[in-house]
C-alpha atoms as a PDB file:
ATOM      1  CA  MET A   1       7.845   0.573  33.173  1.00  0.00           C
ATOM      2  CA  PRO A   2       8.349  -1.142  29.813  1.00  0.00           C
ATOM      3  CA  ASN A   3       5.287  -2.502  28.055  1.00  0.00           C
ATOM      4  CA  ASN A   4       5.669  -6.280  27.954  1.00  0.00           C
ATOM      5  CA  SER A   5       2.268  -6.973  26.367  1.00  0.00           C
ATOM      6  CA  PRO A   6       2.538  -9.067  23.151  1.00  0.00           C
ATOM      7  CA  GLU A   7       2.525  -7.276  19.838  1.00  0.00           C
ATOM      8  CA  LYS A   8      -0.434  -8.009  17.459  1.00  0.00           C
ATOM      9  CA  ILE A   9      -0.110  -9.558  13.972  1.00  0.00           C
ATOM     10  CA  LEU A  10      -3.150  -9.275  11.780  1.00  0.00           C
ATOM     11  CA  ILE A  11      -3.364 -11.580   8.819  1.00  0.00           C
ATOM     12  CA  LEU A  12      -5.887 -10.604   6.178  1.00  0.00           C
ATOM     13  CA  ASN A  13      -6.458 -13.711   4.177  1.00  0.00           C
ATOM     14  CA  GLY A  14      -7.897 -12.699   0.713  1.00  0.00           C
ATOM     15  CA  SER A  15      -8.105 -16.210  -0.694  1.00  0.00           C
ATOM     16  CA  PRO A  16     -11.709 -17.505  -1.341  1.00  0.00           C
ATOM     17  CA  LYS A  17     -10.439 -20.859  -0.122  1.00  0.00           C
ATOM     18  CA  CYS A  18     -10.094 -19.334   3.392  1.00  0.00           C
ATOM     19  CA  LYS A  19      -8.274 -21.768   5.720  1.00  0.00           C
ATOM     20  CA  SER A  20      -7.544 -24.166   2.792  1.00  0.00           C
ATOM     21  CA  SER A  21      -5.519 -21.492   0.916  1.00  0.00           C
ATOM     22  CA  LEU A  22      -2.140 -22.638  -0.349  1.00  0.00           C
ATOM     23  CA  THR A  23      -0.909 -19.078  -0.037  1.00  0.00           C
ATOM     24  CA  LEU A  24      -1.876 -19.134   3.615  1.00  0.00           C
ATOM     25  CA  LYS A  25       0.479 -22.053   4.157  1.00  0.00           C
ATOM     26  CA  VAL A  26       3.338 -19.863   3.056  1.00  0.00           C
ATOM     27  CA  THR A  27       1.992 -17.005   5.253  1.00  0.00           C
ATOM     28  CA  GLY A  28       1.801 -19.487   8.179  1.00  0.00           C
ATOM     29  CA  ALA A  29       5.464 -20.179   7.863  1.00  0.00           C
ATOM     30  CA  PHE A  30       6.154 -16.395   7.665  1.00  0.00           C
ATOM     31  CA  ILE A  31       4.165 -15.881  10.952  1.00  0.00           C
ATOM     32  CA  LYS A  32       6.069 -18.730  12.527  1.00  0.00           C
ATOM     33  CA  GLY A  33       9.355 -16.901  11.800  1.00  0.00           C
ATOM     34  CA  MET A  34       7.970 -13.709  13.295  1.00  0.00           C
ATOM     35  CA  GLN A  35       6.862 -15.427  16.433  1.00  0.00           C
ATOM     36  CA  SER A  36      10.203 -17.094  16.790  1.00  0.00           C
ATOM     37  CA  GLU A  37      11.758 -13.690  17.292  1.00  0.00           C
ATOM     38  CA  ARG A  38       9.109 -11.724  19.170  1.00  0.00           C
ATOM     39  CA  ASN A  39       6.185 -12.198  21.603  1.00  0.00           C
ATOM     40  CA  CYS A  40       3.301 -11.750  19.238  1.00  0.00           C
ATOM     41  CA  THR A  41      -0.369 -12.803  18.934  1.00  0.00           C
ATOM     42  CA  ALA A  42      -1.779 -13.647  15.508  1.00  0.00           C
ATOM     43  CA  GLU A  43      -5.363 -12.820  14.500  1.00  0.00           C
ATOM     44  CA  TYR A  44      -6.696 -14.214  11.232  1.00  0.00           C
ATOM     45  CA  ILE A  45      -9.489 -12.550   9.186  1.00  0.00           C
ATOM     46  CA  HIS A  46     -10.711 -14.672   6.286  1.00  0.00           C
ATOM     47  CA  VAL A  47     -12.108 -11.984   4.034  1.00  0.00           C
ATOM     48  CA  SER A  48     -14.458 -14.202   2.056  1.00  0.00           C
ATOM     49  CA  GLU A  49     -16.233 -15.263   5.309  1.00  0.00           C
ATOM     50  CA  LYS A  50     -17.149 -11.655   6.164  1.00  0.00           C
ATOM     51  CA  ASN A  51     -20.105  -9.564   5.196  1.00  0.00           C
ATOM     52  CA  ILE A  52     -18.614  -6.690   3.305  1.00  0.00           C
ATOM     53  CA  ARG A  53     -20.827  -4.439   1.222  1.00  0.00           C
ATOM     54  CA  PRO A  54     -19.157  -2.757  -1.806  1.00  0.00           C
ATOM     55  CA  CYS A  55     -18.099   0.825  -1.670  1.00  0.00           C
ATOM     56  CA  THR A  56     -20.677   3.079  -3.363  1.00  0.00           C
ATOM     57  CA  GLY A  57     -18.213   5.835  -4.243  1.00  0.00           C
ATOM     58  CA  CYS A  58     -20.130   8.471  -2.332  1.00  0.00           C
ATOM     59  CA  LEU A  59     -16.898   9.862  -0.875  1.00  0.00           C
ATOM     60  CA  SER A  60     -18.716  10.825   2.351  1.00  0.00           C
ATOM     61  CA  CYS A  61     -15.697   9.407   4.217  1.00  0.00           C
ATOM     62  CA  TRP A  62     -13.661  12.174   2.704  1.00  0.00           C
ATOM     63  CA  GLY A  63     -16.331  14.867   3.102  1.00  0.00           C
ATOM     64  CA  ARG A  64     -19.523  14.921   5.094  1.00  0.00           C
ATOM     65  CA  THR A  65     -18.571  12.134   7.471  1.00  0.00           C
ATOM     66  CA  GLU A  66     -14.820  12.609   7.165  1.00  0.00           C
ATOM     67  CA  GLY A  67     -12.923   9.517   8.356  1.00  0.00           C
ATOM     68  CA  GLU A  68     -16.050   7.455   8.760  1.00  0.00           C
ATOM     69  CA  CYS A  69     -17.813   5.264   6.261  1.00  0.00           C
ATOM     70  CA  VAL A  70     -21.604   5.721   6.027  1.00  0.00           C
ATOM     71  CA  ILE A  71     -22.165   1.882   5.731  1.00  0.00           C
ATOM     72  CA  LYS A  72     -22.364   0.572   9.290  1.00  0.00           C
ATOM     73  CA  ASP A  73     -24.350  -2.719   8.999  1.00  0.00           C
ATOM     74  CA  ASP A  74     -21.559  -5.102   7.879  1.00  0.00           C
ATOM     75  CA  ASP A  75     -18.226  -6.402   9.081  1.00  0.00           C
ATOM     76  CA  MET A  76     -16.086  -3.564   7.924  1.00  0.00           C
ATOM     77  CA  PRO A  77     -16.146  -1.594  11.271  1.00  0.00           C
ATOM     78  CA  PHE A  78     -14.680  -4.642  12.967  1.00  0.00           C
ATOM     79  CA  ILE A  79     -12.047  -5.154  10.214  1.00  0.00           C
ATOM     80  CA  ARG A  80     -11.173  -1.407  10.220  1.00  0.00           C
ATOM     81  CA  ASP A  81     -10.637  -1.498  14.038  1.00  0.00           C
ATOM     82  CA  SER A  82      -8.440  -4.640  13.791  1.00  0.00           C
ATOM     83  CA  ILE A  83      -6.279  -3.010  11.130  1.00  0.00           C
ATOM     84  CA  LEU A  84      -5.775   0.301  13.078  1.00  0.00           C
ATOM     85  CA  SER A  85      -4.912  -1.558  16.292  1.00  0.00           C
ATOM     86  CA  SER A  86      -2.373  -4.051  14.879  1.00  0.00           C
ATOM     87  CA  ASP A  87       1.364  -3.784  14.974  1.00  0.00           C
ATOM     88  CA  TYR A  88       1.904  -5.873  11.948  1.00  0.00           C
ATOM     89  CA  ILE A  89      -0.520  -6.358   8.993  1.00  0.00           C
ATOM     90  CA  ILE A  90       0.063  -9.294   6.649  1.00  0.00           C
ATOM     91  CA  GLU A  91      -1.984  -9.420   3.510  1.00  0.00           C
ATOM     92  CA  SER A  92      -2.067 -12.965   2.015  1.00  0.00           C
ATOM     93  CA  PHE A  93      -3.677 -13.936  -1.241  1.00  0.00           C
ATOM     94  CA  PRO A  94      -3.230 -15.760  -4.558  1.00  0.00           C
ATOM     95  CA  ILE A  95      -3.149 -13.582  -7.725  1.00  0.00           C
ATOM     96  CA  TYR A  96      -6.270 -13.988  -9.852  1.00  0.00           C
ATOM     97  CA  PHE A  97      -6.221 -12.699 -13.386  1.00  0.00           C
ATOM     98  CA  PHE A  98      -3.158 -10.546 -12.519  1.00  0.00           C
ATOM     99  CA  GLY A  99      -5.008  -8.822  -9.614  1.00  0.00           C
ATOM    100  CA  MET A 100      -6.259  -9.406  -6.067  1.00  0.00           C
ATOM    101  CA  PRO A 101      -9.274 -11.690  -5.579  1.00  0.00           C
ATOM    102  CA  GLY A 102     -12.569  -9.851  -5.774  1.00  0.00           C
ATOM    103  CA  THR A 103     -13.658 -10.068  -2.168  1.00  0.00           C
ATOM    104  CA  LEU A 104     -10.294  -8.570  -1.005  1.00  0.00           C
ATOM    105  CA  LYS A 105     -10.714  -5.705  -3.546  1.00  0.00           C
ATOM    106  CA  VAL A 106     -14.241  -4.982  -2.163  1.00  0.00           C
ATOM    107  CA  MET A 107     -12.699  -4.769   1.348  1.00  0.00           C
ATOM    108  CA  THR A 108      -9.794  -2.639   0.153  1.00  0.00           C
ATOM    109  CA  ASP A 109     -12.095  -0.130  -1.474  1.00  0.00           C
ATOM    110  CA  ARG A 110     -13.955   0.264   1.855  1.00  0.00           C
ATOM    111  CA  LEU A 111     -10.752   1.317   3.619  1.00  0.00           C
ATOM    112  CA  LEU A 112     -10.732   4.663   1.845  1.00  0.00           C
ATOM    113  CA  GLY A 113     -12.006   6.427   4.948  1.00  0.00           C
ATOM    114  CA  ILE A 114      -8.954   5.543   7.055  1.00  0.00           C
ATOM    115  CA  MET A 115      -6.745   7.305   4.532  1.00  0.00           C
ATOM    116  CA  CYS A 116      -6.298  11.040   4.296  1.00  0.00           C
ATOM    117  CA  THR A 117      -8.606  13.060   1.968  1.00  0.00           C
ATOM    118  CA  PHE A 118      -7.018  13.765  -1.386  1.00  0.00           C
ATOM    119  CA  SER A 119      -7.100  17.476  -2.188  1.00  0.00           C
ATOM    120  CA  GLY A 120      -5.176  17.657  -5.412  1.00  0.00           C
ATOM    121  CA  GLU A 121      -1.659  17.407  -4.109  1.00  0.00           C
ATOM    122  CA  GLU A 122       0.995  16.598  -6.742  1.00  0.00           C
ATOM    123  CA  ILE A 123       3.503  13.803  -5.935  1.00  0.00           C
ATOM    124  CA  ASP A 124       6.191  13.463  -8.515  1.00  0.00           C
ATOM    125  CA  PRO A 125       8.080  11.172  -8.584  1.00  0.00           C
ATOM    126  CA  ILE A 126       5.916   8.745  -6.626  1.00  0.00           C
ATOM    127  CA  LYS A 127       8.185   7.931  -3.695  1.00  0.00           C
ATOM    128  CA  THR A 128       5.634   8.462  -0.955  1.00  0.00           C
ATOM    129  CA  GLU A 129       2.066   7.304  -0.468  1.00  0.00           C
ATOM    130  CA  ARG A 130      -0.863   8.880  -2.335  1.00  0.00           C
ATOM    131  CA  HIS A 131      -3.153   8.145   0.578  1.00  0.00           C
ATOM    132  CA  ALA A 132      -1.450   8.346   3.999  1.00  0.00           C
ATOM    133  CA  LEU A 133      -3.188   6.967   7.066  1.00  0.00           C
ATOM    134  CA  ARG A 134      -5.182   9.479   9.053  1.00  0.00           C
ATOM    135  CA  SER A 135      -4.042   8.145  12.398  1.00  0.00           C
ATOM    136  CA  PRO A 136      -1.027   5.868  11.779  1.00  0.00           C
ATOM    137  CA  LYS A 137       0.060   3.616  14.611  1.00  0.00           C
ATOM    138  CA  GLU A 138       3.682   4.209  15.390  1.00  0.00           C
ATOM    139  CA  GLY A 139       5.842   1.445  14.041  1.00  0.00           C
ATOM    140  CA  GLN A 140       3.085  -0.300  12.236  1.00  0.00           C
ATOM    141  CA  ARG A 141       4.387  -2.400   9.389  1.00  0.00           C
ATOM    142  CA  LEU A 142       2.885  -4.085   6.299  1.00  0.00           C
ATOM    143  CA  ALA A 143       3.884  -7.256   4.451  1.00  0.00           C
ATOM    144  CA  LEU A 144       2.294  -8.558   1.328  1.00  0.00           C
ATOM    145  CA  ILE A 145       2.488 -12.303   0.600  1.00  0.00           C
ATOM    146  CA  THR A 146       1.158 -13.488  -2.687  1.00  0.00           C
ATOM    147  CA  SER A 147       1.411 -16.476  -5.027  1.00  0.00           C
ATOM    148  CA  CYS A 148       0.778 -17.295  -8.601  1.00  0.00           C
ATOM    149  CA  GLY A 149       0.538 -20.346 -10.899  1.00  0.00           C
ATOM    150  CA  PHE A 150       2.978 -18.927 -13.418  1.00  0.00           C
ATOM    151  CA  SER A 151       6.765 -19.191 -13.308  1.00  0.00           C
ATOM    152  CA  GLU A 152       7.241 -15.508 -14.130  1.00  0.00           C
ATOM    153  CA  SER A 153       6.327 -14.153 -10.737  1.00  0.00           C
ATOM    154  CA  ALA A 154       7.830 -10.704 -11.365  1.00  0.00           C
ATOM    155  CA  ASP A 155       5.664 -10.019 -14.424  1.00  0.00           C
ATOM    156  CA  VAL A 156       2.535 -11.343 -12.827  1.00  0.00           C
ATOM    157  CA  PHE A 157       3.111  -9.450  -9.503  1.00  0.00           C
ATOM    158  CA  GLU A 158       3.890  -6.072 -11.293  1.00  0.00           C
ATOM    159  CA  PRO A 159       0.242  -4.851 -11.475  1.00  0.00           C
ATOM    160  CA  ILE A 160      -0.274  -5.608  -7.753  1.00  0.00           C
ATOM    161  CA  LYS A 161       2.968  -3.922  -6.802  1.00  0.00           C
ATOM    162  CA  LYS A 162       2.052  -0.821  -8.778  1.00  0.00           C
ATOM    163  CA  GLN A 163      -1.223  -0.494  -6.884  1.00  0.00           C
ATOM    164  CA  TYR A 164       0.425  -0.929  -3.492  1.00  0.00           C
ATOM    165  CA  ASP A 165       3.177   1.551  -4.414  1.00  0.00           C
ATOM    166  CA  LEU A 166       0.581   4.144  -5.271  1.00  0.00           C
ATOM    167  CA  VAL A 167      -1.341   3.642  -2.066  1.00  0.00           C
ATOM    168  CA  PHE A 168       1.385   3.061   0.452  1.00  0.00           C
ATOM    169  CA  GLY A 169       4.458   4.416  -1.213  1.00  0.00           C
ATOM    170  CA  ALA A 170       7.264   2.386  -2.876  1.00  0.00           C
ATOM    171  CA  ASP A 171       9.559   0.630  -0.331  1.00  0.00           C
ATOM    172  CA  ARG A 172       7.138   1.306   2.509  1.00  0.00           C
ATOM    173  CA  TYR A 173       5.944  -2.334   2.697  1.00  0.00           C
ATOM    174  CA  SER A 174       7.622  -5.717   2.361  1.00  0.00           C
ATOM    175  CA  HIS A 175       6.486  -8.220  -0.266  1.00  0.00           C
ATOM    176  CA  PHE A 176       7.227 -11.395  -2.110  1.00  0.00           C
ATOM    177  CA  CYS A 177       5.376 -13.557  -4.746  1.00  0.00           C
ATOM    178  CA  VAL A 178       5.811 -17.345  -4.770  1.00  0.00           C
ATOM    179  CA  PRO A 179       5.528 -18.750  -8.282  1.00  0.00           C
ATOM    180  CA  GLN A 180       4.330 -22.251  -9.331  1.00  0.00           C
ATOM    181  CA  LEU A 181       2.578 -22.710  -5.992  1.00  0.00           C
ATOM    182  CA  LYS A 182      -0.206 -25.001  -7.368  1.00  0.00           C
ATOM    183  CA  ALA A 183       2.376 -27.222  -9.035  1.00  0.00           C
ATOM    184  CA  LEU A 184       4.530 -27.248  -5.842  1.00  0.00           C
ATOM    185  CA  ALA A 185       1.459 -28.529  -3.938  1.00  0.00           C
ATOM    186  CA  GLN A 186       0.805 -31.063  -6.621  1.00  0.00           C
ATOM    187  CA  ALA A 187       4.289 -32.373  -6.083  1.00  0.00           C
ATOM    188  CA  GLY A 188       3.448 -32.905  -2.446  1.00  0.00           C
ATOM    189  CA  SER A 189       5.130 -31.646   0.735  1.00  0.00           C
ATOM    190  CA  GLY A 190       8.595 -32.906  -0.310  1.00  0.00           C
ATOM    191  CA  GLN A 191      11.921 -31.193  -0.204  1.00  0.00           C
ATOM    192  CA  ARG A 192      11.081 -28.388  -2.637  1.00  0.00           C
ATOM    193  CA  PHE A 193       7.981 -27.333  -0.830  1.00  0.00           C
ATOM    194  CA  SER A 194       9.761 -27.607   2.599  1.00  0.00           C
ATOM    195  CA  LYS A 195      12.592 -25.429   1.190  1.00  0.00           C
ATOM    196  CA  MET A 196      10.093 -22.799   0.171  1.00  0.00           C
ATOM    197  CA  LEU A 197       8.387 -22.799   3.566  1.00  0.00           C
ATOM    198  CA  ALA A 198      11.786 -22.545   5.340  1.00  0.00           C
ATOM    199  CA  LEU A 199      12.592 -19.480   3.220  1.00  0.00           C
ATOM    200  CA  ALA A 200       9.228 -17.879   4.132  1.00  0.00           C
ATOM    201  CA  GLU A 201       9.916 -18.576   7.870  1.00  0.00           C
ATOM    202  CA  GLN A 202      13.353 -16.918   7.490  1.00  0.00           C
ATOM    203  CA  ALA A 203      11.679 -13.947   5.849  1.00  0.00           C
ATOM    204  CA  GLY A 204       9.237 -13.599   8.691  1.00  0.00           C
ATOM    205  CA  ALA A 205      12.075 -13.477  11.232  1.00  0.00           C
ATOM    206  CA  GLU A 206      13.850 -10.802   9.189  1.00  0.00           C
ATOM    207  CA  PHE A 207      10.688  -8.715   8.760  1.00  0.00           C
ATOM    208  CA  ILE A 208       9.927  -8.512  12.479  1.00  0.00           C
ATOM    209  CA  THR A 209      13.548  -7.876  13.561  1.00  0.00           C
ATOM    210  CA  THR A 210      14.695  -5.419  10.869  1.00  0.00           C
ATOM    211  CA  GLY A 211      11.398  -4.099   9.430  1.00  0.00           C
ATOM    212  CA  LYS A 212      12.162  -5.476   5.925  1.00  0.00           C
ATOM    213  CA  ILE A 213      13.103  -8.569   3.956  1.00  0.00           C
ATOM    214  CA  ASP A 214      16.595  -8.864   2.439  1.00  0.00           C
ATOM    215  CA  PRO A 215      16.300  -8.386  -1.398  1.00  0.00           C
ATOM    216  CA  ALA A 216      18.348 -11.507  -1.929  1.00  0.00           C
ATOM    217  CA  LEU A 217      15.837 -13.540   0.054  1.00  0.00           C
ATOM    218  CA  THR A 218      12.857 -11.870  -1.583  1.00  0.00           C
ATOM    219  CA  ALA A 219      14.417 -12.822  -4.986  1.00  0.00           C
ATOM    220  CA  GLU A 220      14.943 -16.386  -3.873  1.00  0.00           C
ATOM    221  CA  LEU A 221      11.269 -16.681  -2.671  1.00  0.00           C
ATOM    222  CA  SER A 222      10.087 -15.183  -5.933  1.00  0.00           C
ATOM    223  CA  SER A 223      12.153 -17.523  -8.150  1.00  0.00           C
ATOM    224  CA  PRO A 224      10.653 -20.686  -9.645  1.00  0.00           C
ATOM    225  CA  ILE A 225      11.791 -23.843  -7.804  1.00  0.00           C
ATOM    226  CA  LEU A 226      10.696 -26.321 -10.457  1.00  0.00           C
ATOM    227  CA  SER A 227      12.263 -26.580 -13.834  1.00  0.00           C
ATOM    228  CA  GLN A 228      10.004 -25.591 -16.723  1.00  0.00           C
ATOM    229  CA  LYS A 229       9.817 -29.232 -17.728  1.00  0.00           C
ATOM    230  CA  THR A 230       8.925 -30.523 -14.390  1.00  0.00           C
ATOM    231  CA  TYR A 231       6.390 -27.702 -13.952  1.00  0.00           C
ATOM    232  CA  ARG A 232       4.720 -28.486 -17.177  1.00  0.00           C
ATOM    233  CA  VAL A 233       4.446 -32.245 -16.372  1.00  0.00           C
ATOM    234  CA  LEU A 234       2.866 -31.481 -13.059  1.00  0.00           C
ATOM    235  CA  MET A 235       0.413 -28.992 -14.410  1.00  0.00           C
ATOM    236  CA  GLU A 236      -0.648 -31.342 -17.143  1.00  0.00           C
ATOM    237  CA  LYS A 237      -1.243 -34.003 -14.555  1.00  0.00           C
ATOM    238  CA  PHE A 238      -3.226 -31.588 -12.435  1.00  0.00           C
ATOM    239  CA  TRP A 239      -5.685 -30.794 -15.295  1.00  0.00           C
ATOM    240  CA  ARG A 240      -6.002 -34.438 -16.269  1.00  0.00           C
ATOM    241  CA  ASP A 241      -6.949 -35.255 -12.735  1.00  0.00           C
ATOM    242  CA  GLU A 242      -9.455 -32.438 -12.707  1.00  0.00           C
ATOM    243  CA  LYS A 243     -11.129 -33.642 -15.818  1.00  0.00           C
ATOM    244  CA  ASP A 244     -11.157 -37.236 -14.644  1.00  0.00           C
ATOM    245  CA  GLU A 245     -12.797 -36.136 -11.379  1.00  0.00           C
ATOM    246  CA  VAL A 246     -15.571 -34.477 -13.346  1.00  0.00           C
ATOM    247  CA  LYS A 247     -16.182 -37.666 -15.358  1.00  0.00           C
ATOM    248  CA  GLU A 248     -16.496 -39.756 -12.216  1.00  0.00           C
END
């Protein structure tokens, strides 16, 4: 008999703002698109709310306790189990200083044990993952949804993409980076912001039905909506408001 149980979407929210994250609003539209096409449940993990101890670099998870981290007294066992049991994993976070937020990096480092032990294999060119999952779930898919304050999303996203390419393999995950998101929010939830959310919803529907996002749609999501002049005006207003709030 066919299995009619709902598929599981796991959203790893790496923003320190947790539920108030602007990036998470984009991700919410993406999830809406996924659920419009398939019977899915959504579980949210707000990484900054979890107790996650930093990796100590002991490499026991690749040696003495292969596949298992020696740190047991925090929230990582729960997060690890959620990742391994999910059909779709969505990582959602703003780009800070051209990298992922610190709490998400701490979590990522602690996932080393679910990856295969590295034994000196050479991979050239890098078209496959450097660290394959030990026990991959059949059909499991990953999407990376990020945002930045700059207009040049491709340049800002490149360091993140390089890291994920090395870990998971180029073209083995879907991704897009929304530029100017702070300014778009400053402009309010008008037509521009609604357009961007509609594109994210379309991307979610494509991702769950085809396993990828059309490159043209990815490019549109990653292109600045505001003109540079409008963007500058909004950002200048944002910083004036911030300073005025401090004076009050």
